[in-house]
Amino acid sequence: MEDRIRITWDTNLETGDPEIDGQHRELFHRLDRLLAASREKRSREEVAQTLTFLGDYVVQHFAAEERMMVLADYPDLEAHRAEHAHFVQEFGVLYREFKAEGPTTLFIIRVGNRVTGWLREHIYRTDRSLVDHLKTRY
């Protein structure tokens, strides 16, 4: 079953902001690389490096979005920031599960479902609202 899990960018998720959309495409690319490394049973060290790289990128992306929100005086900044914090916390849980159990089938499914599901929902709902606000400011 895990062999079928692929993470691909969906143009329906485009927000209309080239910087944000580029970062989102990169997030999906990195998620797909993580799943491929896990699925192909590459070394635990390689999967850990890919997972860490993804986690670092997520933090950088969220920081970039939050800087945009501050500069644009985004009214939903705190709610959006709270969603980011929740995701970072969820990602930390997955990271700890990986450290304890390795790249198991369950880990692959969790990343494929939980992480991408959250990202898709967040981008479609929350990030689009942010970009709509940015368009009115600039």
N, C-alpha and C. Protein backbone atom coordinates (compact mmCIF):
# COMPACT_ATOMS: atom_id res chain seq x y z
N MET A 1 0.82 -1.20 0.00
CA MET A 1 0.00 0.00 0.00
C MET A 1 0.86 1.25 0.00
N GLU A 2 1.93 1.29 0.81
CA GLU A 2 2.75 2.49 0.89
C GLU A 2 3.45 2.80 -0.41
N ASP A 3 3.59 1.81 -1.31
CA ASP A 3 4.23 2.05 -2.59
C ASP A 3 3.44 3.04 -3.44
N ARG A 4 2.18 3.17 -3.18
CA ARG A 4 1.34 4.07 -3.97
C ARG A 4 1.34 5.50 -3.45
N ILE A 5 1.84 5.73 -2.28
CA ILE A 5 1.82 7.06 -1.70
C ILE A 5 2.89 7.92 -2.36
N ARG A 6 2.43 8.90 -3.11
CA ARG A 6 3.33 9.88 -3.73
C ARG A 6 2.77 11.25 -3.41
N ILE A 7 3.67 12.14 -3.19
CA ILE A 7 3.25 13.51 -2.88
C ILE A 7 3.54 14.35 -4.11
N THR A 8 2.49 14.87 -4.72
CA THR A 8 2.68 15.71 -5.89
C THR A 8 1.95 17.03 -5.70
N TRP A 9 2.53 18.05 -6.28
CA TRP A 9 1.94 19.38 -6.20
C TRP A 9 0.67 19.40 -7.04
N ASP A 10 -0.34 20.04 -6.53
CA ASP A 10 -1.62 20.17 -7.20
C ASP A 10 -1.83 21.65 -7.51
N THR A 11 -1.96 21.99 -8.77
CA THR A 11 -2.11 23.41 -9.14
C THR A 11 -3.36 24.04 -8.54
N ASN A 12 -4.32 23.23 -8.11
CA ASN A 12 -5.49 23.78 -7.42
C ASN A 12 -5.11 24.43 -6.09
N LEU A 13 -3.91 24.14 -5.60
CA LEU A 13 -3.46 24.72 -4.34
C LEU A 13 -2.75 26.06 -4.53
N GLU A 14 -2.56 26.48 -5.76
CA GLU A 14 -1.87 27.75 -5.99
C GLU A 14 -2.65 28.90 -5.38
N THR A 15 -1.91 29.77 -4.71
CA THR A 15 -2.53 30.91 -4.04
C THR A 15 -2.51 32.15 -4.91
N GLY A 16 -1.62 32.18 -5.90
CA GLY A 16 -1.47 33.37 -6.72
C GLY A 16 -0.27 34.21 -6.33
N ASP A 17 0.38 33.86 -5.23
CA ASP A 17 1.60 34.55 -4.82
C ASP A 17 2.78 33.68 -5.25
N PRO A 18 3.62 34.18 -6.17
CA PRO A 18 4.71 33.34 -6.69
C PRO A 18 5.69 32.85 -5.62
N GLU A 19 6.00 33.68 -4.64
CA GLU A 19 6.94 33.27 -3.59
C GLU A 19 6.35 32.16 -2.72
N ILE A 20 5.13 32.36 -2.27
CA ILE A 20 4.47 31.36 -1.42
C ILE A 20 4.25 30.07 -2.21
N ASP A 21 3.77 30.19 -3.45
CA ASP A 21 3.52 28.99 -4.25
C ASP A 21 4.82 28.23 -4.51
N GLY A 22 5.91 28.94 -4.76
CA GLY A 22 7.19 28.28 -4.97
C GLY A 22 7.64 27.52 -3.73
N GLN A 23 7.45 28.12 -2.57
CA GLN A 23 7.81 27.44 -1.33
C GLN A 23 6.92 26.23 -1.09
N HIS A 24 5.65 26.36 -1.41
CA HIS A 24 4.74 25.22 -1.25
C HIS A 24 5.12 24.07 -2.18
N ARG A 25 5.44 24.39 -3.43
CA ARG A 25 5.89 23.34 -4.35
C ARG A 25 7.13 22.64 -3.80
N GLU A 26 8.04 23.42 -3.24
CA GLU A 26 9.26 22.84 -2.67
C GLU A 26 8.92 21.94 -1.47
N LEU A 27 7.97 22.34 -0.64
CA LEU A 27 7.54 21.50 0.48
C LEU A 27 7.02 20.16 -0.02
N PHE A 28 6.20 20.18 -1.04
CA PHE A 28 5.66 18.93 -1.58
C PHE A 28 6.77 18.08 -2.18
N HIS A 29 7.71 18.71 -2.85
CA HIS A 29 8.85 17.97 -3.41
C HIS A 29 9.65 17.29 -2.31
N ARG A 30 9.90 18.01 -1.23
CA ARG A 30 10.69 17.45 -0.13
C ARG A 30 9.93 16.34 0.58
N LEU A 31 8.63 16.49 0.71
CA LEU A 31 7.82 15.42 1.31
C LEU A 31 7.89 14.17 0.44
N ASP A 32 7.80 14.34 -0.86
CA ASP A 32 7.88 13.19 -1.75
C ASP A 32 9.24 12.51 -1.64
N ARG A 33 10.31 13.29 -1.51
CA ARG A 33 11.65 12.71 -1.35
C ARG A 33 11.75 11.93 -0.05
N LEU A 34 11.13 12.47 1.01
CA LEU A 34 11.15 11.77 2.30
C LEU A 34 10.43 10.42 2.17
N LEU A 35 9.27 10.43 1.56
CA LEU A 35 8.52 9.19 1.41
C LEU A 35 9.26 8.20 0.52
N ALA A 36 9.90 8.69 -0.53
CA ALA A 36 10.66 7.80 -1.41
C ALA A 36 11.82 7.16 -0.65
N ALA A 37 12.53 7.96 0.13
CA ALA A 37 13.66 7.42 0.91
C ALA A 37 13.18 6.37 1.90
N SER A 38 12.03 6.62 2.51
CA SER A 38 11.48 5.66 3.48
C SER A 38 11.00 4.40 2.78
N ARG A 39 10.24 4.58 1.71
CA ARG A 39 9.66 3.47 0.96
C ARG A 39 10.74 2.57 0.37
N GLU A 40 11.82 3.20 -0.12
CA GLU A 40 12.90 2.43 -0.76
C GLU A 40 13.88 1.84 0.26
N LYS A 41 13.54 2.00 1.52
CA LYS A 41 14.33 1.43 2.61
C LYS A 41 15.79 1.86 2.55
N ARG A 42 15.97 3.15 2.25
CA ARG A 42 17.32 3.68 2.27
C ARG A 42 17.79 3.69 3.72
N SER A 43 19.03 4.02 3.94
CA SER A 43 19.56 3.96 5.29
C SER A 43 18.76 4.87 6.22
N ARG A 44 18.69 4.44 7.46
CA ARG A 44 17.99 5.23 8.47
C ARG A 44 18.60 6.63 8.55
N GLU A 45 19.91 6.72 8.39
CA GLU A 45 20.59 8.02 8.44
C GLU A 45 20.13 8.92 7.29
N GLU A 46 19.99 8.35 6.09
CA GLU A 46 19.54 9.15 4.95
C GLU A 46 18.11 9.63 5.15
N VAL A 47 17.25 8.77 5.65
CA VAL A 47 15.87 9.17 5.91
C VAL A 47 15.85 10.26 6.98
N ALA A 48 16.66 10.10 8.02
CA ALA A 48 16.73 11.11 9.09
C ALA A 48 17.20 12.45 8.53
N GLN A 49 18.18 12.43 7.65
CA GLN A 49 18.67 13.68 7.06
C GLN A 49 17.59 14.34 6.21
N THR A 50 16.86 13.54 5.45
CA THR A 50 15.78 14.07 4.62
C THR A 50 14.67 14.63 5.50
N LEU A 51 14.34 13.94 6.57
CA LEU A 51 13.32 14.41 7.50
C LEU A 51 13.74 15.71 8.17
N THR A 52 14.99 15.79 8.60
CA THR A 52 15.50 17.01 9.23
C THR A 52 15.49 18.17 8.24
N PHE A 53 15.93 17.90 7.01
CA PHE A 53 15.94 18.91 5.96
C PHE A 53 14.54 19.45 5.72
N LEU A 54 13.55 18.56 5.67
CA LEU A 54 12.16 18.96 5.50
C LEU A 54 11.70 19.80 6.68
N GLY A 55 12.00 19.36 7.89
CA GLY A 55 11.60 20.10 9.08
C GLY A 55 12.19 21.50 9.10
N ASP A 56 13.45 21.62 8.72
CA ASP A 56 14.09 22.94 8.65
C ASP A 56 13.42 23.82 7.62
N TYR A 57 13.08 23.24 6.47
CA TYR A 57 12.44 24.01 5.41
C TYR A 57 11.06 24.50 5.85
N VAL A 58 10.33 23.65 6.55
CA VAL A 58 9.01 24.05 7.05
C VAL A 58 9.13 25.27 7.95
N VAL A 59 10.09 25.23 8.85
CA VAL A 59 10.30 26.36 9.77
C VAL A 59 10.65 27.63 9.00
N GLN A 60 11.52 27.51 8.01
CA GLN A 60 11.89 28.67 7.19
C GLN A 60 10.69 29.22 6.43
N HIS A 61 9.90 28.32 5.87
CA HIS A 61 8.72 28.75 5.12
C HIS A 61 7.72 29.46 6.03
N PHE A 62 7.45 28.88 7.18
CA PHE A 62 6.51 29.52 8.11
C PHE A 62 7.03 30.89 8.54
N ALA A 63 8.32 31.01 8.80
CA ALA A 63 8.89 32.29 9.20
C ALA A 63 8.72 33.32 8.07
N ALA A 64 8.91 32.91 6.83
CA ALA A 64 8.74 33.83 5.70
C ALA A 64 7.29 34.30 5.61
N GLU A 65 6.35 33.37 5.74
CA GLU A 65 4.93 33.74 5.71
C GLU A 65 4.60 34.70 6.85
N GLU A 66 5.12 34.41 8.04
CA GLU A 66 4.81 35.25 9.19
C GLU A 66 5.40 36.64 9.04
N ARG A 67 6.56 36.76 8.41
CA ARG A 67 7.13 38.10 8.14
C ARG A 67 6.20 38.87 7.19
N MET A 68 5.69 38.18 6.17
CA MET A 68 4.75 38.82 5.24
C MET A 68 3.51 39.30 5.98
N MET A 69 3.03 38.47 6.90
CA MET A 69 1.82 38.83 7.64
C MET A 69 2.05 40.06 8.50
N VAL A 70 3.19 40.14 9.15
CA VAL A 70 3.51 41.29 10.00
C VAL A 70 3.59 42.54 9.14
N LEU A 71 4.33 42.46 8.04
CA LEU A 71 4.51 43.62 7.16
C LEU A 71 3.19 44.10 6.56
N ALA A 72 2.28 43.19 6.31
CA ALA A 72 0.99 43.53 5.70
C ALA A 72 -0.10 43.80 6.72
N ASP A 73 0.27 43.79 8.01
CA ASP A 73 -0.70 44.00 9.09
C ASP A 73 -1.90 43.06 8.93
N TYR A 74 -1.59 41.78 8.78
CA TYR A 74 -2.60 40.76 8.55
C TYR A 74 -3.44 40.58 9.81
N PRO A 75 -4.75 40.72 9.71
CA PRO A 75 -5.60 40.67 10.92
C PRO A 75 -5.67 39.28 11.57
N ASP A 76 -5.43 38.22 10.80
CA ASP A 76 -5.51 36.87 11.35
C ASP A 76 -4.14 36.29 11.66
N LEU A 77 -3.18 37.16 11.92
CA LEU A 77 -1.80 36.73 12.16
C LEU A 77 -1.71 35.69 13.27
N GLU A 78 -2.32 35.93 14.40
CA GLU A 78 -2.17 35.02 15.54
C GLU A 78 -2.80 33.65 15.27
N ALA A 79 -3.94 33.63 14.63
CA ALA A 79 -4.58 32.34 14.30
C ALA A 79 -3.72 31.57 13.29
N HIS A 80 -3.19 32.27 12.31
CA HIS A 80 -2.35 31.64 11.30
C HIS A 80 -1.06 31.13 11.95
N ARG A 81 -0.48 31.95 12.79
CA ARG A 81 0.74 31.54 13.50
C ARG A 81 0.47 30.32 14.38
N ALA A 82 -0.71 30.27 15.00
CA ALA A 82 -1.06 29.12 15.84
C ALA A 82 -1.17 27.84 15.00
N GLU A 83 -1.68 27.95 13.78
CA GLU A 83 -1.73 26.77 12.90
C GLU A 83 -0.31 26.29 12.58
N HIS A 84 0.57 27.25 12.32
CA HIS A 84 1.97 26.88 12.06
C HIS A 84 2.57 26.16 13.26
N ALA A 85 2.34 26.71 14.43
CA ALA A 85 2.90 26.11 15.65
C ALA A 85 2.36 24.69 15.85
N HIS A 86 1.08 24.51 15.57
CA HIS A 86 0.47 23.18 15.70
C HIS A 86 1.14 22.20 14.74
N PHE A 87 1.38 22.64 13.51
CA PHE A 87 2.03 21.76 12.54
C PHE A 87 3.44 21.39 12.98
N VAL A 88 4.19 22.37 13.45
CA VAL A 88 5.55 22.10 13.92
C VAL A 88 5.51 21.09 15.06
N GLN A 89 4.53 21.21 15.94
CA GLN A 89 4.36 20.25 17.04
C GLN A 89 4.05 18.86 16.49
N GLU A 90 3.13 18.76 15.52
CA GLU A 90 2.80 17.47 14.89
C GLU A 90 4.02 16.87 14.22
N PHE A 91 4.77 17.71 13.54
CA PHE A 91 5.96 17.24 12.85
C PHE A 91 6.96 16.70 13.87
N GLY A 92 7.05 17.36 15.02
CA GLY A 92 7.93 16.88 16.08
C GLY A 92 7.53 15.50 16.57
N VAL A 93 6.23 15.24 16.66
CA VAL A 93 5.73 13.92 17.06
C VAL A 93 6.16 12.88 16.04
N LEU A 94 6.00 13.19 14.76
CA LEU A 94 6.42 12.26 13.71
C LEU A 94 7.93 12.02 13.76
N TYR A 95 8.68 13.07 14.01
CA TYR A 95 10.13 12.93 14.09
C TYR A 95 10.52 12.00 15.24
N ARG A 96 9.88 12.18 16.39
CA ARG A 96 10.17 11.31 17.53
C ARG A 96 9.76 9.87 17.25
N GLU A 97 8.64 9.68 16.56
CA GLU A 97 8.23 8.33 16.17
C GLU A 97 9.27 7.71 15.25
N PHE A 98 9.77 8.50 14.31
CA PHE A 98 10.80 7.99 13.40
C PHE A 98 12.05 7.60 14.18
N LYS A 99 12.47 8.46 15.11
CA LYS A 99 13.68 8.18 15.88
C LYS A 99 13.52 6.90 16.69
N ALA A 100 12.33 6.65 17.19
CA ALA A 100 12.09 5.47 18.02
C ALA A 100 11.91 4.20 17.19
N GLU A 101 11.22 4.31 16.05
CA GLU A 101 10.82 3.12 15.31
C GLU A 101 11.43 2.99 13.92
N GLY A 102 12.01 4.08 13.40
CA GLY A 102 12.55 4.06 12.04
C GLY A 102 11.48 4.31 11.01
N PRO A 103 11.84 4.17 9.73
CA PRO A 103 10.89 4.46 8.63
C PRO A 103 9.94 3.29 8.37
N THR A 104 9.08 3.03 9.31
CA THR A 104 8.13 1.92 9.20
C THR A 104 7.03 2.26 8.19
N THR A 105 6.27 1.25 7.84
CA THR A 105 5.12 1.46 6.95
C THR A 105 4.15 2.45 7.58
N LEU A 106 3.93 2.33 8.89
CA LEU A 106 3.03 3.25 9.58
C LEU A 106 3.56 4.69 9.50
N PHE A 107 4.86 4.88 9.64
CA PHE A 107 5.47 6.20 9.52
C PHE A 107 5.19 6.77 8.12
N ILE A 108 5.38 5.97 7.10
CA ILE A 108 5.16 6.42 5.72
C ILE A 108 3.70 6.85 5.53
N ILE A 109 2.79 6.04 6.05
CA ILE A 109 1.37 6.36 5.92
C ILE A 109 1.03 7.63 6.69
N ARG A 110 1.57 7.76 7.88
CA ARG A 110 1.29 8.98 8.68
C ARG A 110 1.80 10.22 7.96
N VAL A 111 3.00 10.16 7.45
CA VAL A 111 3.53 11.33 6.73
C VAL A 111 2.66 11.59 5.50
N GLY A 112 2.36 10.54 4.76
CA GLY A 112 1.56 10.70 3.55
C GLY A 112 0.19 11.27 3.82
N ASN A 113 -0.44 10.84 4.88
CA ASN A 113 -1.80 11.29 5.18
C ASN A 113 -1.85 12.54 6.05
N ARG A 114 -1.20 12.49 7.21
CA ARG A 114 -1.32 13.58 8.17
C ARG A 114 -0.64 14.85 7.69
N VAL A 115 0.59 14.71 7.24
CA VAL A 115 1.35 15.91 6.86
C VAL A 115 0.77 16.52 5.60
N THR A 116 0.58 15.71 4.57
CA THR A 116 0.08 16.30 3.33
C THR A 116 -1.37 16.75 3.47
N GLY A 117 -2.15 16.03 4.23
CA GLY A 117 -3.53 16.46 4.47
C GLY A 117 -3.57 17.81 5.16
N TRP A 118 -2.74 17.97 6.18
CA TRP A 118 -2.70 19.25 6.88
C TRP A 118 -2.24 20.36 5.94
N LEU A 119 -1.18 20.10 5.19
CA LEU A 119 -0.65 21.13 4.29
C LEU A 119 -1.70 21.53 3.25
N ARG A 120 -2.35 20.55 2.65
CA ARG A 120 -3.36 20.87 1.64
C ARG A 120 -4.47 21.73 2.23
N GLU A 121 -4.97 21.35 3.38
CA GLU A 121 -6.03 22.12 4.03
C GLU A 121 -5.55 23.52 4.39
N HIS A 122 -4.37 23.61 4.97
CA HIS A 122 -3.82 24.90 5.38
C HIS A 122 -3.61 25.82 4.18
N ILE A 123 -3.04 25.29 3.13
CA ILE A 123 -2.79 26.10 1.93
C ILE A 123 -4.11 26.54 1.33
N TYR A 124 -5.02 25.60 1.14
CA TYR A 124 -6.28 25.89 0.47
C TYR A 124 -7.12 26.91 1.24
N ARG A 125 -7.13 26.79 2.53
CA ARG A 125 -7.99 27.66 3.34
C ARG A 125 -7.23 28.87 3.88
N THR A 126 -6.21 28.63 4.66
CA THR A 126 -5.56 29.69 5.43
C THR A 126 -4.61 30.53 4.58
N ASP A 127 -3.77 29.88 3.78
CA ASP A 127 -2.81 30.64 2.98
C ASP A 127 -3.49 31.44 1.88
N ARG A 128 -4.55 30.90 1.31
CA ARG A 128 -5.29 31.68 0.31
C ARG A 128 -5.88 32.95 0.91
N SER A 129 -6.36 32.84 2.13
CA SER A 129 -6.89 34.01 2.81
C SER A 129 -5.77 35.05 3.02
N LEU A 130 -4.60 34.58 3.39
CA LEU A 130 -3.45 35.49 3.55
C LEU A 130 -3.14 36.18 2.22
N VAL A 131 -3.06 35.42 1.14
CA VAL A 131 -2.73 36.02 -0.16
C VAL A 131 -3.80 37.00 -0.60
N ASP A 132 -5.06 36.69 -0.35
CA ASP A 132 -6.13 37.65 -0.65
C ASP A 132 -5.89 38.96 0.08
N HIS A 133 -5.48 38.87 1.33
CA HIS A 133 -5.18 40.08 2.10
C HIS A 133 -3.95 40.79 1.51
N LEU A 134 -2.92 40.05 1.17
CA LEU A 134 -1.71 40.66 0.60
C LEU A 134 -2.05 41.42 -0.67
N LYS A 135 -2.95 40.88 -1.49
CA LYS A 135 -3.33 41.55 -2.74
C LYS A 135 -3.99 42.89 -2.49
N THR A 136 -4.70 43.03 -1.36
CA THR A 136 -5.34 44.30 -1.06
C THR A 136 -4.35 45.32 -0.50
N ARG A 137 -3.20 44.83 -0.03
CA ARG A 137 -2.21 45.72 0.59
C ARG A 137 -1.15 46.21 -0.39
N TYR A 138 -0.91 45.43 -1.44
CA TYR A 138 0.19 45.78 -2.34
C TYR A 138 -0.26 45.91 -3.76
